[in-house]
C-alpha atoms as a PDB file:
ATOM      1  CA  UNK A   1      12.278  -1.959 -70.088  1.00  0.00           C
ATOM      2  CA  UNK A   2       9.423  -1.763 -67.602  1.00  0.00           C
ATOM      3  CA  UNK A   3      10.462  -1.981 -63.954  1.00  0.00           C
ATOM      4  CA  UNK A   4       8.736  -4.887 -62.238  1.00  0.00           C
ATOM      5  CA  UNK A   5       8.080  -2.981 -59.006  1.00  0.00           C
ATOM      6  CA  UNK A   6       6.214   0.331 -58.866  1.00  0.00           C
ATOM      7  CA  UNK A   7       6.125   3.224 -56.427  1.00  0.00           C
ATOM      8  CA  UNK A   8       3.033   5.371 -56.065  1.00  0.00           C
ATOM      9  CA  UNK A   9       2.808   8.544 -54.003  1.00  0.00           C
ATOM     10  CA  UNK A  10      -0.214   9.445 -51.942  1.00  0.00           C
ATOM     11  CA  UNK A  11      -1.933  12.427 -53.561  1.00  0.00           C
ATOM     12  CA  UNK A  12      -4.532  14.442 -51.657  1.00  0.00           C
ATOM     13  CA  UNK A  13      -7.900  15.300 -53.198  1.00  0.00           C
ATOM     14  CA  UNK A  14      -6.414  18.768 -53.873  1.00  0.00           C
ATOM     15  CA  UNK A  15      -3.566  17.256 -55.895  1.00  0.00           C
ATOM     16  CA  UNK A  16      -0.898  17.756 -53.210  1.00  0.00           C
ATOM     17  CA  UNK A  17       1.787  15.064 -52.906  1.00  0.00           C
ATOM     18  CA  UNK A  18       3.079  15.538 -49.336  1.00  0.00           C
ATOM     19  CA  UNK A  19       5.859  12.926 -49.475  1.00  0.00           C
ATOM     20  CA  UNK A  20       7.305  14.497 -52.639  1.00  0.00           C
ATOM     21  CA  UNK A  21       7.218  17.937 -51.002  1.00  0.00           C
ATOM     22  CA  UNK A  22       9.126  16.479 -48.067  1.00  0.00           C
ATOM     23  CA  UNK A  23      11.675  14.757 -50.320  1.00  0.00           C
ATOM     24  CA  UNK A  24      12.205  17.983 -52.267  1.00  0.00           C
ATOM     25  CA  UNK A  25      13.066  19.744 -48.995  1.00  0.00           C
ATOM     26  CA  UNK A  26      15.944  17.365 -48.175  1.00  0.00           C
ATOM     27  CA  UNK A  27      19.613  18.026 -48.783  1.00  0.00           C
ATOM     28  CA  UNK A  28      20.924  16.563 -52.023  1.00  0.00           C
ATOM     29  CA  UNK A  29      23.028  13.863 -50.319  1.00  0.00           C
ATOM     30  CA  UNK A  30      20.033  12.634 -48.313  1.00  0.00           C
ATOM     31  CA  UNK A  31      17.788  12.714 -51.382  1.00  0.00           C
ATOM     32  CA  UNK A  32      20.322  10.557 -53.224  1.00  0.00           C
ATOM     33  CA  UNK A  33      20.150   7.951 -50.439  1.00  0.00           C
ATOM     34  CA  UNK A  34      16.344   7.866 -50.541  1.00  0.00           C
ATOM     35  CA  UNK A  35      16.148   7.534 -54.306  1.00  0.00           C
ATOM     36  CA  UNK A  36      18.864   4.855 -54.324  1.00  0.00           C
ATOM     37  CA  UNK A  37      16.653   2.774 -52.018  1.00  0.00           C
ATOM     38  CA  UNK A  38      13.655   3.474 -54.267  1.00  0.00           C
ATOM     39  CA  UNK A  39      15.710   2.309 -57.290  1.00  0.00           C
ATOM     40  CA  UNK A  40      16.698  -0.911 -55.513  1.00  0.00           C
ATOM     41  CA  UNK A  41      13.034  -1.556 -54.723  1.00  0.00           C
ATOM     42  CA  UNK A  42      11.941  -0.862 -58.315  1.00  0.00           C
ATOM     43  CA  UNK A  43      14.589  -3.193 -59.700  1.00  0.00           C
ATOM     44  CA  UNK A  44      14.645  -6.010 -57.163  1.00  0.00           C
ATOM     45  CA  UNK A  45      11.600  -5.757 -54.881  1.00  0.00           C
ATOM     46  CA  UNK A  46      11.054  -5.391 -51.157  1.00  0.00           C
ATOM     47  CA  UNK A  47      13.653  -7.938 -50.092  1.00  0.00           C
ATOM     48  CA  UNK A  48      16.383  -5.761 -51.597  1.00  0.00           C
ATOM     49  CA  UNK A  49      15.678  -2.936 -49.141  1.00  0.00           C
ATOM     50  CA  UNK A  50      15.386  -5.059 -45.980  1.00  0.00           C
ATOM     51  CA  UNK A  51      18.340  -3.484 -44.185  1.00  0.00           C
ATOM     52  CA  UNK A  52      16.676  -0.075 -44.608  1.00  0.00           C
ATOM     53  CA  UNK A  53      13.077  -0.934 -43.822  1.00  0.00           C
ATOM     54  CA  UNK A  54      11.091  -1.889 -40.754  1.00  0.00           C
ATOM     55  CA  UNK A  55       7.463  -2.893 -40.138  1.00  0.00           C
ATOM     56  CA  UNK A  56       5.553  -0.593 -37.798  1.00  0.00           C
ATOM     57  CA  UNK A  57       3.998  -3.019 -35.318  1.00  0.00           C
ATOM     58  CA  UNK A  58       0.223  -3.015 -35.191  1.00  0.00           C
ATOM     59  CA  UNK A  59      -0.171  -1.067 -38.442  1.00  0.00           C
ATOM     60  CA  UNK A  60      -0.266  -1.932 -42.176  1.00  0.00           C
ATOM     61  CA  UNK A  61       2.692   0.441 -42.523  1.00  0.00           C
ATOM     62  CA  UNK A  62       6.436   0.167 -43.035  1.00  0.00           C
ATOM     63  CA  UNK A  63       9.173   2.748 -42.683  1.00  0.00           C
ATOM     64  CA  UNK A  64      12.318   3.287 -44.693  1.00  0.00           C
ATOM     65  CA  UNK A  65      15.148   4.439 -42.457  1.00  0.00           C
ATOM     66  CA  UNK A  66      17.791   6.784 -43.829  1.00  0.00           C
ATOM     67  CA  UNK A  67      20.666   7.496 -41.497  1.00  0.00           C
ATOM     68  CA  UNK A  68      23.137  10.313 -41.817  1.00  0.00           C
ATOM     69  CA  UNK A  69      23.303  13.926 -40.748  1.00  0.00           C
ATOM     70  CA  UNK A  70      19.509  13.766 -40.440  1.00  0.00           C
ATOM     71  CA  UNK A  71      17.555  10.640 -39.563  1.00  0.00           C
ATOM     72  CA  UNK A  72      14.913  10.546 -42.261  1.00  0.00           C
ATOM     73  CA  UNK A  73      11.904   8.253 -42.247  1.00  0.00           C
ATOM     74  CA  UNK A  74       9.610   7.489 -45.157  1.00  0.00           C
ATOM     75  CA  UNK A  75       6.387   5.669 -44.249  1.00  0.00           C
ATOM     76  CA  UNK A  76       4.798   3.495 -46.912  1.00  0.00           C
ATOM     77  CA  UNK A  77       2.291   0.676 -47.328  1.00  0.00           C
ATOM     78  CA  UNK A  78       2.480  -2.364 -49.556  1.00  0.00           C
ATOM     79  CA  UNK A  79      -0.320  -2.081 -52.093  1.00  0.00           C
ATOM     80  CA  UNK A  80       0.195  -5.216 -54.185  1.00  0.00           C
ATOM     81  CA  UNK A  81       2.958  -7.789 -54.485  1.00  0.00           C
ATOM     82  CA  UNK A  82       4.705  -5.450 -56.873  1.00  0.00           C
ATOM     83  CA  UNK A  83       3.802  -1.939 -55.688  1.00  0.00           C
ATOM     84  CA  UNK A  84       4.021   0.347 -52.688  1.00  0.00           C
ATOM     85  CA  UNK A  85       2.347   3.639 -51.811  1.00  0.00           C
ATOM     86  CA  UNK A  86       4.578   6.296 -50.230  1.00  0.00           C
ATOM     87  CA  UNK A  87       2.495   8.115 -47.629  1.00  0.00           C
ATOM     88  CA  UNK A  88       4.609  10.350 -45.411  1.00  0.00           C
ATOM     89  CA  UNK A  89       8.133  11.528 -44.719  1.00  0.00           C
ATOM     90  CA  UNK A  90       9.671  13.232 -41.705  1.00  0.00           C
ATOM     91  CA  UNK A  91      12.881  13.871 -39.800  1.00  0.00           C
ATOM     92  CA  UNK A  92      13.083  11.531 -36.849  1.00  0.00           C
ATOM     93  CA  UNK A  93      14.379  13.150 -33.678  1.00  0.00           C
ATOM     94  CA  UNK A  94      13.372  10.553 -31.072  1.00  0.00           C
ATOM     95  CA  UNK A  95      14.080   6.852 -30.536  1.00  0.00           C
ATOM     96  CA  UNK A  96      10.507   5.795 -31.227  1.00  0.00           C
ATOM     97  CA  UNK A  97       8.481   6.756 -34.309  1.00  0.00           C
ATOM     98  CA  UNK A  98       6.162   9.530 -33.075  1.00  0.00           C
ATOM     99  CA  UNK A  99       2.482   8.560 -32.972  1.00  0.00           C
ATOM    100  CA  UNK A 100       1.625  11.825 -34.750  1.00  0.00           C
ATOM    101  CA  UNK A 101       3.578  10.707 -37.838  1.00  0.00           C
ATOM    102  CA  UNK A 102       2.054   7.225 -37.771  1.00  0.00           C
ATOM    103  CA  UNK A 103      -1.429   8.800 -37.541  1.00  0.00           C
ATOM    104  CA  UNK A 104      -0.750  11.078 -40.517  1.00  0.00           C
ATOM    105  CA  UNK A 105       0.405   8.123 -42.635  1.00  0.00           C
ATOM    106  CA  UNK A 106      -2.501   5.968 -41.491  1.00  0.00           C
ATOM    107  CA  UNK A 107      -5.071   8.647 -42.374  1.00  0.00           C
ATOM    108  CA  UNK A 108      -3.511   9.062 -45.814  1.00  0.00           C
ATOM    109  CA  UNK A 109      -3.512   5.302 -46.320  1.00  0.00           C
ATOM    110  CA  UNK A 110      -7.192   5.035 -45.367  1.00  0.00           C
ATOM    111  CA  UNK A 111      -8.068   7.966 -47.653  1.00  0.00           C
ATOM    112  CA  UNK A 112      -6.093   6.470 -50.534  1.00  0.00           C
ATOM    113  CA  UNK A 113      -7.664   3.037 -50.090  1.00  0.00           C
ATOM    114  CA  UNK A 114     -11.146   4.589 -49.976  1.00  0.00           C
ATOM    115  CA  UNK A 115     -10.536   6.417 -53.248  1.00  0.00           C
ATOM    116  CA  UNK A 116      -8.514   3.883 -55.242  1.00  0.00           C
ATOM    117  CA  UNK A 117      -8.916   0.391 -53.815  1.00  0.00           C
ATOM    118  CA  UNK A 118     -12.173  -0.669 -55.419  1.00  0.00           C
END
């Protein structure tokens, strides 16, 4: 059965998938939490992950919030009604999402749109 909602990962022109590299670096228990949220999204859509997601004001970006031993953030953008593009992941150490991480995700989003949104 085809899942109605799809997740794409930003891939650089050199074939690097930075968000996957970040996810691979996480502890198993944290990875399980992230992929559980991804599964909910793939099965039921964006409304199913509302308690774990937040819009980044002023940007076309959203962040998935994973709490636990480490506060993990996954920044993504909505591509179509039924797909998202995962752009960046990081460990959050401050109250506010650091501008550096927003800028990284925004640059990746712009690059991705330039290459694939035709």
